Every structure is written in structure tokens, then in C-alpha cells.
């Protein structure tokens, strides 16, 4: 894993890394079962506005995912 992915790579082999998400998005993903984060892990960072980077300890050169306060979250999925 190189950060937070678009889906569970065990179920979707071509899951892609997500470069950035908001604290709220990360908390929601954790609450609904994303195993990369514990549901309450974002609370201290959110309160202090400290960025969190999710990385792969086996591949430290990979970018990973940055979790920050985002006024306007990026659109990750578009359905037409």
C-alpha cells in the first residue's frame, strides 16, 4: 500500500493511490471500515490543524497520501 487507495486492492486489483484527502474524508473512511486508519486517529490532528501523511514503510520513497484541512475537497470520483 502506498497511502490511501481508491478501493480495497484485494477486491479491486487496479486500485490507485489518492494523493490528498481532508480530515473529514479520512475520518469517514476510517469510520466505515478503511483499515488504513483508526476511526479516532484524525481527531488530534484536526484539532491542531497538523497535516498527516499516510505512507508505506516498505516503500518510503512513495508519495503516500496527505491528510489536511481542505476548504474545497478534490473531486475523486465523477459519475456521468
Protein backbone atom coordinates (compact mmCIF):
# COMPACT_ATOMS: atom_id res chain seq x y z
CA UNK A 1 0.00 0.00 0.00
CA UNK A 2 1.34 3.43 -0.91
CA UNK A 3 -1.13 5.53 1.08
CA UNK A 4 -4.91 5.63 0.92
CA UNK A 5 -6.21 3.85 -2.18
CA UNK A 6 -9.37 4.36 -4.25
CA UNK A 7 -10.68 0.97 -3.11
CA UNK A 8 -9.65 -2.24 -1.37
CA UNK A 9 -6.81 -3.68 -3.51
CA UNK A 10 -7.81 -7.21 -2.51
CA UNK A 11 -11.14 -6.66 -4.27
CA UNK A 12 -10.07 -4.20 -6.99
CA UNK A 13 -6.60 -5.06 -8.29
CA UNK A 14 -6.18 -1.75 -10.15
CA UNK A 15 -6.91 0.46 -7.11
CA UNK A 16 -4.97 3.72 -7.35
CA UNK A 17 -3.36 5.87 -4.64
CA UNK A 18 -5.23 9.03 -3.64
CA UNK A 19 -2.77 11.94 -3.30
CA UNK A 20 -4.77 14.04 -0.81
CA UNK A 21 -7.92 13.89 1.33
CA UNK A 22 -9.42 16.08 4.03
CA UNK A 23 -9.51 15.21 7.72
CA UNK A 24 -13.26 14.71 7.40
CA UNK A 25 -12.91 12.34 4.45
CA UNK A 26 -10.21 10.31 6.22
CA UNK A 27 -12.31 10.10 9.40
CA UNK A 28 -15.35 8.98 7.44
CA UNK A 29 -13.37 6.31 5.57
CA UNK A 30 -11.98 5.01 8.88
CA UNK A 31 -15.44 5.01 10.47
CA UNK A 32 -16.83 2.94 7.60
CA UNK A 33 -14.06 0.35 7.71
CA UNK A 34 -10.96 1.57 5.88
CA UNK A 35 -8.26 -0.35 7.69
CA UNK A 36 -5.51 2.16 6.99
CA UNK A 37 -6.71 4.45 9.83
CA UNK A 38 -8.32 4.07 13.23
CA UNK A 39 -11.65 5.96 13.44
CA UNK A 40 -10.42 8.38 16.14
CA UNK A 41 -6.89 8.81 14.78
CA UNK A 42 -7.68 12.08 12.97
CA UNK A 43 -9.14 13.93 15.97
CA UNK A 44 -5.86 15.31 17.47
CA UNK A 45 -4.53 16.31 14.04
CA UNK A 46 -7.83 18.01 13.15
CA UNK A 47 -7.88 19.99 16.41
CA UNK A 48 -4.29 21.21 15.95
CA UNK A 49 -4.50 21.50 12.12
CA UNK A 50 -1.46 19.22 11.72
CA UNK A 51 -1.05 17.50 8.33
CA UNK A 52 -0.82 13.69 8.41
CA UNK A 53 0.93 11.69 5.71
CA UNK A 54 -0.01 8.02 5.21
CA UNK A 55 2.97 6.17 3.76
CA UNK A 56 4.23 2.67 3.10
CA UNK A 57 7.05 1.71 5.48
CA UNK A 58 8.30 -0.83 2.92
CA UNK A 59 8.45 1.85 0.20
CA UNK A 60 9.34 5.14 1.94
CA UNK A 61 10.10 6.93 -1.33
CA UNK A 62 6.45 6.65 -2.45
CA UNK A 63 4.42 9.86 -2.02
CA UNK A 64 1.63 8.36 0.05
CA UNK A 65 -1.48 10.37 0.92
CA UNK A 66 -1.53 13.73 2.69
CA UNK A 67 -4.45 14.40 5.03
CA UNK A 68 -5.12 18.08 5.71
CA UNK A 69 -7.87 20.60 6.26
CA UNK A 70 -9.30 21.27 2.83
CA UNK A 71 -11.73 24.11 2.27
CA UNK A 72 -12.80 22.63 -1.06
CA UNK A 73 -12.15 18.86 -1.23
CA UNK A 74 -10.95 17.45 -4.54
CA UNK A 75 -13.48 15.55 -6.61
CA UNK A 76 -12.21 11.99 -6.53
CA UNK A 77 -14.93 10.23 -8.48
CA UNK A 78 -17.14 11.56 -11.24
CA UNK A 79 -20.23 9.72 -12.44
CA UNK A 80 -21.90 10.80 -15.68
